[in-house]
Protein backbone atom coordinates (compact mmCIF):
# COMPACT_ATOMS: atom_id res chain seq x y z
CA UNK A 1 19.30 -3.48 -1.06
CA UNK A 2 21.99 -6.04 -1.78
CA UNK A 3 25.08 -4.57 -0.16
CA UNK A 4 25.99 -1.68 2.07
CA UNK A 5 29.66 -0.99 2.65
CA UNK A 6 31.02 1.54 5.14
CA UNK A 7 34.48 3.07 4.94
CA UNK A 8 35.97 6.18 6.57
CA UNK A 9 32.46 6.79 7.89
CA UNK A 10 32.45 10.56 8.42
CA UNK A 11 29.49 12.79 7.68
CA UNK A 12 31.53 15.27 5.60
CA UNK A 13 32.69 12.59 3.20
CA UNK A 14 30.65 11.58 0.21
CA UNK A 15 27.90 8.98 0.18
CA UNK A 16 27.95 7.22 -3.19
CA UNK A 17 26.17 4.42 -5.02
CA UNK A 18 27.90 1.85 -7.24
CA UNK A 19 25.73 -0.03 -9.76
CA UNK A 20 26.92 -2.89 -11.96
CA UNK A 21 25.23 -6.15 -12.93
CA UNK A 22 28.57 -7.98 -13.10
CA UNK A 23 29.54 -9.14 -9.56
CA UNK A 24 33.28 -8.95 -10.21
CA UNK A 25 33.01 -5.51 -11.78
CA UNK A 26 30.83 -4.29 -8.92
CA UNK A 27 33.28 -5.61 -6.34
CA UNK A 28 36.22 -3.84 -8.01
CA UNK A 29 34.28 -0.60 -8.28
CA UNK A 30 33.29 -0.69 -4.61
CA UNK A 31 36.88 -1.42 -3.54
CA UNK A 32 38.21 1.47 -5.59
CA UNK A 33 35.61 3.86 -4.21
CA UNK A 34 36.40 2.74 -0.65
CA UNK A 35 40.07 3.47 -1.25
CA UNK A 36 39.37 7.11 -2.06
CA UNK A 37 39.76 9.37 1.02
CA UNK A 38 36.84 11.58 -0.01
CA UNK A 39 34.34 8.70 0.10
CA UNK A 40 32.57 8.11 3.41
CA UNK A 41 30.08 5.40 2.50
CA UNK A 42 29.48 3.18 -0.50
CA UNK A 43 26.16 1.55 -1.33
CA UNK A 44 26.13 -1.19 -3.96
CA UNK A 45 23.37 -2.48 -6.24
CA UNK A 46 23.35 -5.15 -8.96
CA UNK A 47 20.87 -3.37 -11.23
CA UNK A 48 18.90 -0.17 -11.68
CA UNK A 49 15.78 -1.51 -9.95
CA UNK A 50 17.77 -2.30 -6.82
CA UNK A 51 19.40 1.12 -6.96
CA UNK A 52 16.00 2.83 -7.06
CA UNK A 53 14.73 0.67 -4.20
CA UNK A 54 17.76 1.72 -2.19
CA UNK A 55 16.88 5.38 -2.62
CA UNK A 56 13.40 4.59 -1.29
CA UNK A 57 14.70 2.52 1.65
CA UNK A 58 14.37 3.46 5.33
CA UNK A 59 18.14 3.64 5.88
CA UNK A 60 18.65 6.13 8.72
CA UNK A 61 21.47 8.08 7.09
CA UNK A 62 19.62 8.43 3.79
CA UNK A 63 16.50 9.58 5.61
CA UNK A 64 18.42 12.23 7.54
CA UNK A 65 20.03 13.51 4.36
CA UNK A 66 16.63 13.94 2.70
CA UNK A 67 15.34 15.82 5.75
CA UNK A 68 18.29 18.22 5.47
CA UNK A 69 17.53 18.95 1.82
CA UNK A 70 20.42 16.85 0.52
CA UNK A 71 20.20 14.23 -2.22
CA UNK A 72 19.97 10.76 -0.64
CA UNK A 73 23.36 10.07 -2.19
CA UNK A 74 25.98 12.49 -3.49
CA UNK A 75 27.03 10.56 -6.59
CA UNK A 76 26.16 7.51 -8.66
CA UNK A 77 28.84 5.40 -10.39
CA UNK A 78 26.86 3.20 -12.77
CA UNK A 79 27.42 0.81 -15.65
CA UNK A 80 25.75 2.08 -18.82
CA UNK A 81 24.70 -1.34 -20.10
CA UNK A 82 22.56 -3.42 -17.74
CA UNK A 83 19.61 -5.76 -18.21
CA UNK A 84 16.13 -4.44 -17.50
CA UNK A 85 16.34 -0.72 -16.80
CA UNK A 86 19.60 0.45 -18.40
CA UNK A 87 22.07 2.82 -16.81
CA UNK A 88 20.95 5.54 -19.19
CA UNK A 89 17.29 5.07 -18.27
CA UNK A 90 18.22 5.04 -14.60
CA UNK A 91 20.15 8.28 -15.12
CA UNK A 92 17.03 9.99 -16.44
CA UNK A 93 15.23 9.04 -13.23
CA UNK A 94 18.09 10.30 -11.05
CA UNK A 95 18.39 13.56 -12.99
CA UNK A 96 14.71 14.29 -12.32
CA UNK A 97 15.28 14.23 -8.55
CA UNK A 98 15.55 17.54 -6.72
CA UNK A 99 18.27 17.70 -5.55
CA UNK A 100 19.85 15.21 -7.95
CA UNK A 101 23.04 13.18 -7.36
CA UNK A 102 26.08 13.67 -9.58
CA UNK A 103 26.44 11.00 -12.29
CA UNK A 104 29.56 9.11 -13.35
CA UNK A 105 29.20 6.30 -15.86
CA UNK A 106 31.32 3.17 -16.08
CA UNK A 107 31.47 1.53 -19.50
CA UNK A 108 33.46 -0.94 -21.51
CA UNK A 109 33.13 1.08 -24.72
CA UNK A 110 34.61 4.53 -25.33
CA UNK A 111 31.96 5.19 -28.00
CA UNK A 112 29.32 5.43 -25.26
CA UNK A 113 30.99 8.47 -23.70
CA UNK A 114 28.90 10.87 -25.81
CA UNK A 115 25.70 9.32 -24.46
CA UNK A 116 27.05 9.65 -20.92
CA UNK A 117 27.69 13.38 -21.28
CA UNK A 118 24.35 13.92 -23.02
CA UNK A 119 22.73 12.69 -19.80
CA UNK A 120 24.64 15.18 -17.69
CA UNK A 121 27.39 12.89 -16.38
CA UNK A 122 30.48 14.72 -15.12
CA UNK A 123 32.78 11.88 -16.20
CA UNK A 124 32.93 8.36 -17.57
CA UNK A 125 35.29 5.52 -16.68
CA UNK A 126 36.44 2.85 -19.10
CA UNK A 127 36.54 -0.69 -17.71
CA UNK A 128 38.74 -1.78 -16.12
CA UNK A 129 39.48 1.56 -14.47
CA UNK A 130 42.56 2.08 -12.32
CA UNK A 131 42.61 3.88 -9.00
CA UNK A 132 44.17 7.08 -10.33
CA UNK A 133 41.51 7.45 -13.00
CA UNK A 134 38.70 6.84 -10.52
CA UNK A 135 40.24 9.36 -8.12
CA UNK A 136 40.15 11.98 -10.89
CA UNK A 137 36.47 11.20 -11.43
CA UNK A 138 35.82 11.73 -7.70
CA UNK A 139 37.57 15.11 -7.97
CA UNK A 140 35.18 16.06 -10.76
CA UNK A 141 32.27 15.03 -8.56
CA UNK A 142 33.60 17.27 -5.79
CA UNK A 143 34.00 20.19 -8.20
CA UNK A 144 30.41 19.77 -9.32
CA UNK A 145 29.16 19.64 -5.74
CA UNK A 146 31.18 22.69 -4.67
CA UNK A 147 29.38 24.71 -7.34
CA UNK A 148 26.00 23.96 -5.77
CA UNK A 149 24.70 26.21 -2.94
CA UNK A 150 24.76 24.18 0.24
CA UNK A 151 22.53 24.47 3.33
CA UNK A 152 24.46 23.93 6.54
CA UNK A 153 27.79 24.08 4.74
CA UNK A 154 27.52 20.60 3.23
CA UNK A 155 29.15 20.48 -0.21
CA UNK A 156 26.66 18.01 -1.67
CA UNK A 157 23.50 19.93 -0.90
CA UNK A 158 21.12 21.63 -3.24
CA UNK A 159 17.75 23.28 -2.74
CA UNK A 160 15.38 21.25 -0.56
CA UNK A 161 12.93 19.12 -2.47
CA UNK A 162 9.67 20.88 -3.24
CA UNK A 163 6.42 19.19 -2.23
CA UNK A 164 5.30 19.09 -5.87
CA UNK A 165 8.41 17.29 -7.14
CA UNK A 166 7.11 14.06 -8.62
CA UNK A 167 8.67 10.92 -7.16
CA UNK A 168 9.00 7.82 -9.32
CA UNK A 169 8.36 4.35 -7.88
CA UNK A 170 10.04 1.35 -9.57
CA UNK A 171 7.65 -1.60 -10.00
CA UNK A 172 8.91 -5.03 -11.07
CA UNK A 173 6.77 -7.45 -13.05
CA UNK A 174 7.97 -10.54 -14.93
CA UNK A 175 11.53 -9.27 -15.24
CA UNK A 176 10.47 -5.80 -16.40
CA UNK A 177 10.84 -2.63 -14.35
CA UNK A 178 8.09 -0.05 -14.80
CA UNK A 179 8.41 3.46 -13.41
CA UNK A 180 5.20 4.71 -11.79
CA UNK A 181 5.02 8.48 -11.09
CA UNK A 182 3.57 9.36 -7.70
CA UNK A 183 1.25 11.87 -9.42
CA UNK A 184 -0.60 8.95 -11.05
CA UNK A 185 -1.37 7.23 -7.74
CA UNK A 186 -4.95 7.67 -6.47
CA UNK A 187 -4.76 5.60 -3.31
CA UNK A 188 -2.55 2.98 -1.67
CA UNK A 189 -3.63 -0.14 0.18
CA UNK A 190 -1.45 -1.94 2.74
CA UNK A 191 -0.82 -5.63 2.08
CA UNK A 192 1.45 -6.85 4.86
CA UNK A 193 4.97 -5.51 4.33
CA UNK A 194 3.96 -4.50 0.81
CA UNK A 195 1.70 -1.78 -0.56
CA UNK A 196 -0.52 -1.79 -3.63
CA UNK A 197 -0.63 1.41 -5.67
CA UNK A 198 -3.91 2.14 -7.48
CA UNK A 199 -3.27 4.47 -10.40
CA UNK A 200 -5.27 6.76 -12.66
CA UNK A 201 -5.13 4.31 -15.58
CA UNK A 202 -7.18 1.79 -13.60
CA UNK A 203 -4.24 -0.53 -12.88
CA UNK A 204 -2.62 -1.49 -9.58
CA UNK A 205 1.00 -2.25 -8.73
CA UNK A 206 2.44 -4.15 -5.76
CA UNK A 207 5.61 -2.62 -4.28
CA UNK A 208 7.80 -3.74 -1.43
CA UNK A 209 7.38 -0.57 0.61
CA UNK A 210 5.39 -0.47 3.88
CA UNK A 211 2.40 1.89 3.94
CA UNK A 212 3.82 3.74 6.96
CA UNK A 213 6.93 4.61 4.95
CA UNK A 214 4.90 5.93 2.03
CA UNK A 215 2.80 7.96 4.46
CA UNK A 216 5.93 9.72 5.76
CA UNK A 217 7.41 10.28 2.31
CA UNK A 218 4.21 11.48 0.63
CA UNK A 219 2.63 13.61 3.35
CA UNK A 220 3.95 16.87 1.86
CA UNK A 221 2.79 15.74 -1.57
CA UNK A 222 -0.82 15.76 -0.40
CA UNK A 223 -1.42 12.16 0.66
CA UNK A 224 -3.32 11.48 3.87
CA UNK A 225 -3.76 8.36 5.99
CA UNK A 226 -7.46 7.58 6.41
CA UNK A 227 -7.23 4.04 7.79
CA UNK A 228 -4.58 1.59 8.92
CA UNK A 229 -4.87 0.05 5.47
CA UNK A 230 -5.32 3.11 3.23
CA UNK A 231 -3.41 6.17 2.11
CA UNK A 232 -5.24 8.55 -0.24
CA UNK A 233 -4.41 11.52 -2.47
CA UNK A 234 -6.29 14.30 -0.66
CA UNK A 235 -7.15 16.25 -3.82
CA UNK A 236 -9.00 13.24 -5.24
CA UNK A 237 -11.43 12.97 -2.31
CA UNK A 238 -14.76 14.35 -3.49
CA UNK A 239 -16.89 13.50 -0.46
CA UNK A 240 -16.74 12.39 3.16
CA UNK A 241 -19.92 10.55 4.10
CA UNK A 242 -21.33 8.46 6.93
CA UNK A 243 -21.79 4.85 5.90
CA UNK A 244 -23.08 1.70 7.59
CA UNK A 245 -19.91 1.03 9.56
CA UNK A 246 -18.67 4.60 9.91
CA UNK A 247 -17.24 7.33 7.72
CA UNK A 248 -16.17 6.69 4.14
CA UNK A 249 -14.47 8.81 1.50
CA UNK A 250 -15.52 8.97 -2.12
CA UNK A 251 -12.68 8.92 -4.65
CA UNK A 252 -13.62 10.61 -7.90
CA UNK A 253 -17.20 10.53 -9.12
CA UNK A 254 -18.45 7.93 -6.64
CA UNK A 255 -16.53 5.21 -8.39
CA UNK A 256 -14.64 4.14 -5.28
CA UNK A 257 -15.50 4.15 -1.56
CA UNK A 258 -12.81 3.69 1.09
CA UNK A 259 -13.32 3.36 4.87
CA UNK A 260 -12.14 6.02 7.32
CA UNK A 261 -11.17 4.83 10.80
CA UNK A 262 -12.25 6.74 13.91
CA UNK A 263 -8.70 7.72 14.83
CA UNK A 264 -8.14 9.34 11.44
CA UNK A 265 -11.53 11.05 11.06
CA UNK A 266 -10.72 14.32 12.87
CA UNK A 267 -7.41 14.83 11.06
CA UNK A 268 -9.06 14.10 7.72
CA UNK A 269 -11.83 16.61 8.36
CA UNK A 270 -9.26 19.24 9.29
CA UNK A 271 -7.25 18.57 6.15
CA UNK A 272 -10.35 18.70 3.95
CA UNK A 273 -11.48 22.03 5.45
CA UNK A 274 -7.97 23.49 5.33
CA UNK A 275 -7.57 23.91 9.09
């Protein structure tokens, strides 16, 4: 996460994300958002990959919002044209979230407005946008949010995320951002402050997310901690056996064995037997 900016920090005001790969443009967008009285907090990212990492971060406010069934952020103000993962591609990821944030696109070309609305954006802003025009876009965001049923009276809330909603993890490699669905992950191995995702296609991907954080986020999706170094998709465990150094789990048709620590053995047995 590159920048976090607080302004008018009240819980009933909107939490928004500004994304632009041009530093000057990003700075102007953040300043304009801060100046709006309905905005409570502004996060900023220089590209789509950073924006997706922000959503997966351990920021306390974002975590609390997720626990309350709210989207991590209420609205995204994003440039359509960015290197790597474009604003349009990022929008498709955001729109798949449940609940999803409201989208507003910022563009230098009026011809791109059709694409913006095709992706479900409530508005688009032409660069450079003045304060009055941005304020009108915020009003449209509020109108959209007011139309959504809200737990606890919060205007930005939608239905709580279902355990089977598939999360997408951004993975960066040689300047390219690949989106890895959680449903394709078989097990995860801790590697310091990073984690390596082992997927159904036989590949592995290193992500800058601690294993403990993935354990918390993926517990309701059926992942279980079996060792200080391993997190496993419970439905892919085909056997729990006693090995030379203790218990092990078999992943798939005996193609992979992973160790189970003593402290996690009882919980694993209970989960496997449905207790």
